[in-house]
Protein backbone atom coordinates (compact mmCIF):
# COMPACT_ATOMS: atom_id res chain seq x y z
CA MET A 1 0.00 0.00 0.00
CA THR A 2 1.28 3.46 -0.91
CA LYS A 3 1.79 5.72 2.11
CA VAL A 4 1.42 9.50 1.78
CA LEU A 5 2.55 12.04 4.36
CA TYR A 6 0.44 15.19 4.09
CA VAL A 7 2.40 17.82 6.03
CA THR A 8 0.86 21.21 6.82
CA ALA A 9 2.65 24.17 8.40
CA HIS A 10 -0.03 26.78 9.09
CA PRO A 11 -1.57 27.70 12.46
CA LEU A 12 -5.02 28.47 10.96
CA ASP A 13 -7.43 26.37 8.87
CA HIS A 14 -8.37 26.16 5.20
CA SER A 15 -11.15 28.75 5.55
CA VAL A 16 -8.45 31.37 6.18
CA SER A 17 -5.30 29.91 4.65
CA SER A 18 -4.94 29.89 0.86
CA SER A 19 -2.24 27.21 0.98
CA LEU A 20 -4.47 24.91 3.05
CA ALA A 21 -7.49 25.61 0.85
CA VAL A 22 -5.54 24.60 -2.25
CA GLY A 23 -4.10 21.62 -0.41
CA LYS A 24 -7.60 20.50 0.50
CA GLU A 25 -8.54 20.42 -3.20
CA PHE A 26 -5.48 18.31 -3.95
CA LEU A 27 -6.21 15.93 -1.10
CA GLU A 28 -9.82 15.33 -2.14
CA ALA A 29 -8.80 14.68 -5.75
CA TYR A 30 -6.00 12.38 -4.63
CA LYS A 31 -8.29 10.35 -2.38
CA ASN A 32 -10.80 9.93 -5.21
CA SER A 33 -8.07 8.70 -7.56
CA ASN A 34 -6.22 6.58 -4.98
CA PRO A 35 -8.84 5.25 -2.56
CA ASP A 36 -6.60 2.46 -1.24
CA ASP A 37 -3.62 4.64 -0.35
CA GLU A 38 -2.82 5.38 3.29
CA ILE A 39 -2.76 9.12 3.98
CA ILE A 40 -1.20 10.37 7.21
CA LEU A 41 -2.06 13.96 8.12
CA LEU A 42 0.69 15.82 9.95
CA ASP A 43 -0.33 19.21 11.31
CA LEU A 44 3.04 20.49 12.45
CA TYR A 45 1.49 23.09 14.74
CA ASN A 46 -0.16 20.28 16.69
CA MET A 47 2.81 17.90 16.79
CA ASP A 48 5.58 17.34 19.29
CA ILE A 49 8.69 18.23 17.27
CA PRO A 50 11.73 18.65 19.53
CA TYR A 51 14.20 21.32 18.55
CA ILE A 52 17.77 20.12 18.19
CA ASP A 53 19.10 21.55 21.44
CA ALA A 54 21.66 20.76 24.14
CA ASP A 55 19.66 17.74 25.36
CA VAL A 56 19.58 16.27 21.86
CA PHE A 57 23.27 16.88 21.18
CA SER A 58 24.15 15.40 24.55
CA GLY A 59 22.05 12.31 23.89
CA TRP A 60 23.38 11.77 20.40
CA GLY A 61 26.95 12.26 21.58
CA LYS A 62 26.64 9.74 24.41
CA LEU A 63 24.98 7.16 22.15
CA ALA A 64 27.74 7.60 19.57
CA SER A 65 30.31 7.02 22.34
CA GLY A 66 28.71 3.71 23.27
CA SER A 67 26.45 4.70 26.14
CA ALA A 68 23.18 2.80 26.54
CA PHE A 69 19.95 4.65 25.88
CA ASP A 70 18.84 4.30 29.50
CA GLN A 71 22.00 6.11 30.59
CA LEU A 72 20.82 9.33 28.96
CA SER A 73 19.06 12.02 30.96
CA PRO A 74 15.23 11.83 30.92
CA GLU A 75 15.15 14.96 28.76
CA SER A 76 17.60 13.51 26.24
CA GLN A 77 15.75 10.20 26.15
CA ALA A 78 12.41 11.85 25.41
CA LYS A 79 13.72 14.16 22.70
CA VAL A 80 16.02 11.66 20.96
CA SER A 81 13.28 9.04 20.97
CA ARG A 82 10.70 11.44 19.53
CA LEU A 83 13.07 12.61 16.78
CA GLY A 84 13.65 8.98 15.89
CA GLU A 85 9.92 8.40 15.56
CA ILE A 86 9.56 11.38 13.21
CA VAL A 87 12.35 10.37 10.85
CA ASP A 88 11.24 6.72 10.83
CA GLN A 89 7.75 7.80 9.86
CA PHE A 90 9.18 9.90 7.03
CA VAL A 91 11.38 7.04 5.82
CA SER A 92 8.35 4.73 5.67
CA ALA A 93 6.42 7.07 3.34
CA ASP A 94 6.32 6.79 -0.46
CA LYS A 95 5.03 10.30 -1.18
CA VAL A 96 5.24 13.57 0.72
CA VAL A 97 3.08 16.67 0.35
CA VAL A 98 4.18 19.87 2.11
CA VAL A 99 1.72 22.75 2.42
CA ASN A 100 2.80 26.12 3.81
CA PRO A 101 2.52 29.89 3.58
CA VAL A 102 5.48 32.19 3.03
CA TRP A 103 6.28 34.55 5.88
CA ASN A 104 8.99 37.12 5.26
CA PHE A 105 10.23 35.18 2.21
CA LEU A 106 10.51 31.83 4.03
CA PHE A 107 8.22 29.13 5.42
CA PRO A 108 7.16 29.09 9.11
CA PRO A 109 9.86 28.00 11.58
CA ILE A 110 7.92 24.88 12.58
CA LEU A 111 8.63 23.47 9.12
CA LYS A 112 12.37 24.01 9.63
CA ALA A 113 12.09 22.05 12.88
CA TYR A 114 10.45 19.20 10.95
CA ILE A 115 13.14 19.31 8.26
CA ASP A 116 15.83 19.13 10.95
CA ALA A 117 14.06 16.07 12.38
CA ILE A 118 14.07 14.16 9.07
CA CYS A 119 17.59 15.01 7.88
CA VAL A 120 19.42 12.31 9.78
CA ALA A 121 22.66 10.62 8.74
CA GLY A 122 22.10 6.93 8.16
CA LYS A 123 18.36 7.43 7.78
CA THR A 124 17.82 9.86 4.90
CA PHE A 125 21.40 10.45 3.75
CA LYS A 126 24.92 9.09 4.20
CA PHE A 127 28.45 9.57 2.95
CA ASN A 128 29.98 6.55 1.26
CA GLU A 129 33.55 5.31 1.71
CA ALA A 130 34.77 7.84 -0.85
CA GLY A 131 33.13 10.68 1.07
CA VAL A 132 30.43 11.16 -1.56
CA LEU A 133 26.95 12.16 -0.39
CA VAL A 134 24.27 9.56 -1.03
CA GLY A 135 20.61 10.47 -0.59
CA LEU A 136 18.62 7.58 0.86
CA ALA A 137 15.15 8.87 -0.04
CA ALA A 138 15.43 8.56 -3.83
CA ASP A 139 12.30 6.42 -4.02
CA LYS A 140 10.04 9.22 -2.75
CA LYS A 141 8.01 11.90 -4.54
CA LEU A 142 7.46 15.42 -3.22
CA LEU A 143 4.69 17.92 -3.89
CA HIS A 144 5.03 21.42 -2.45
CA ILE A 145 1.98 23.71 -2.18
CA GLN A 146 2.98 27.24 -1.24
CA ALA A 147 1.06 30.50 -0.84
CA SER A 148 2.57 33.99 -0.78
CA GLY A 149 1.15 37.48 -1.01
CA SER A 150 3.69 38.50 -3.64
CA VAL A 151 4.70 36.66 -6.79
CA LEU A 152 8.00 35.00 -5.94
CA SER A 153 8.36 32.29 -8.58
CA GLU A 154 9.16 34.86 -11.28
CA GLY A 155 9.54 38.57 -11.80
CA PRO A 156 11.28 41.21 -9.66
CA PHE A 157 10.91 39.31 -6.37
CA GLN A 158 12.22 36.00 -7.69
CA GLY A 159 15.50 36.50 -5.87
CA PHE A 160 13.57 36.56 -2.58
CA GLU A 161 12.02 33.12 -3.12
CA PHE A 162 13.84 31.13 -0.46
CA SER A 163 11.07 28.79 0.66
CA HIS A 164 10.56 26.48 -2.32
CA ARG A 165 14.23 26.74 -3.27
CA TYR A 166 15.27 25.60 0.20
CA LEU A 167 12.77 22.75 0.29
CA THR A 168 13.96 21.65 -3.16
CA ALA A 169 17.58 21.73 -2.01
CA ILE A 170 16.77 19.63 1.05
CA ALA A 171 14.77 17.15 -1.03
CA GLN A 172 17.63 16.73 -3.47
CA PHE A 173 20.10 16.46 -0.60
CA ILE A 174 18.26 13.38 0.68
CA GLY A 175 17.85 11.99 -2.82
CA ILE A 176 14.37 13.04 -3.94
CA GLN A 177 14.32 13.99 -7.62
CA SER A 178 10.58 13.92 -8.36
CA ILE A 179 9.52 17.38 -7.12
CA GLU A 180 6.43 19.34 -8.15
CA VAL A 181 5.10 22.67 -6.92
CA VAL A 182 1.82 24.56 -6.86
CA TYR A 183 2.22 28.28 -6.22
CA VAL A 184 -0.67 30.33 -4.83
CA GLU A 185 0.90 33.73 -5.17
CA GLY A 186 0.17 37.38 -5.77
CA ALA A 187 -3.17 37.88 -4.02
CA GLY A 188 -1.64 40.25 -1.49
CA ALA A 189 -0.13 42.44 -4.18
CA SER A 190 -3.23 42.21 -6.44
CA PRO A 191 -6.25 41.61 -4.17
CA ASP A 192 -8.66 42.19 -7.06
CA LYS A 193 -7.24 39.03 -8.66
CA GLY A 194 -7.25 36.98 -5.48
CA ALA A 195 -10.15 34.72 -6.40
CA GLU A 196 -8.71 34.08 -9.87
CA ILE A 197 -5.26 33.29 -8.46
CA LYS A 198 -6.71 30.88 -5.92
CA GLU A 199 -8.94 29.10 -8.44
CA LYS A 200 -6.07 28.66 -10.89
CA ALA A 201 -3.97 27.07 -8.16
CA MET A 202 -6.88 24.86 -7.09
CA GLN A 203 -7.32 23.62 -10.63
CA LYS A 204 -3.65 22.65 -10.85
CA ALA A 205 -3.89 20.97 -7.45
CA ARG A 206 -6.91 18.94 -8.56
CA GLU A 207 -5.07 17.82 -11.68
CA LEU A 208 -2.04 16.77 -9.65
CA GLY A 209 -4.34 14.95 -7.27
CA LYS A 210 -5.19 12.59 -10.14
CA SER A 211 -1.61 11.98 -11.26
CA PHE A 212 0.73 12.43 -8.25
């Protein structure tokens, strides 16, 4: 059975968020076309995602030095264990959909925390004996749905598009080559075209829902 991780990084719901509204259209179309697939919904704002902090570094360091897991501090045990659960869940997926807004030219910080949790040596990437990077997630597909008030994918603000570029770089770093994107952009700069912009993105999302 194909497993899909549907990852959202927005504190509001689809009635307010353009990215979530477009994502909802994709999800409904995907379910209709792939009724037997397993879809796991990950609302990052309602997940326990430990930051990589002193407890995590301490735990990782002690484990690498040969210490047993039960020798770690309670804080290190909880955080290291939870990070392991997150990356293992990601590794088990066949397809990943990431849905987010753009804030100040980048995605919300909770998405960076999730990315940090899934970029783990030996799980999603490694260096071979020659020191060459090998991505371990080459069998996965990624769809990115992103909303921004300004047009960032082209035009004068293209140089400020860090969100999709960063996510693409991370995906390629861990081996993912099949990457698609749906932009929902420009409604803030041209509010009179907001409905048209949103509908165009929804149409593309529905089409991808049938083929992704």
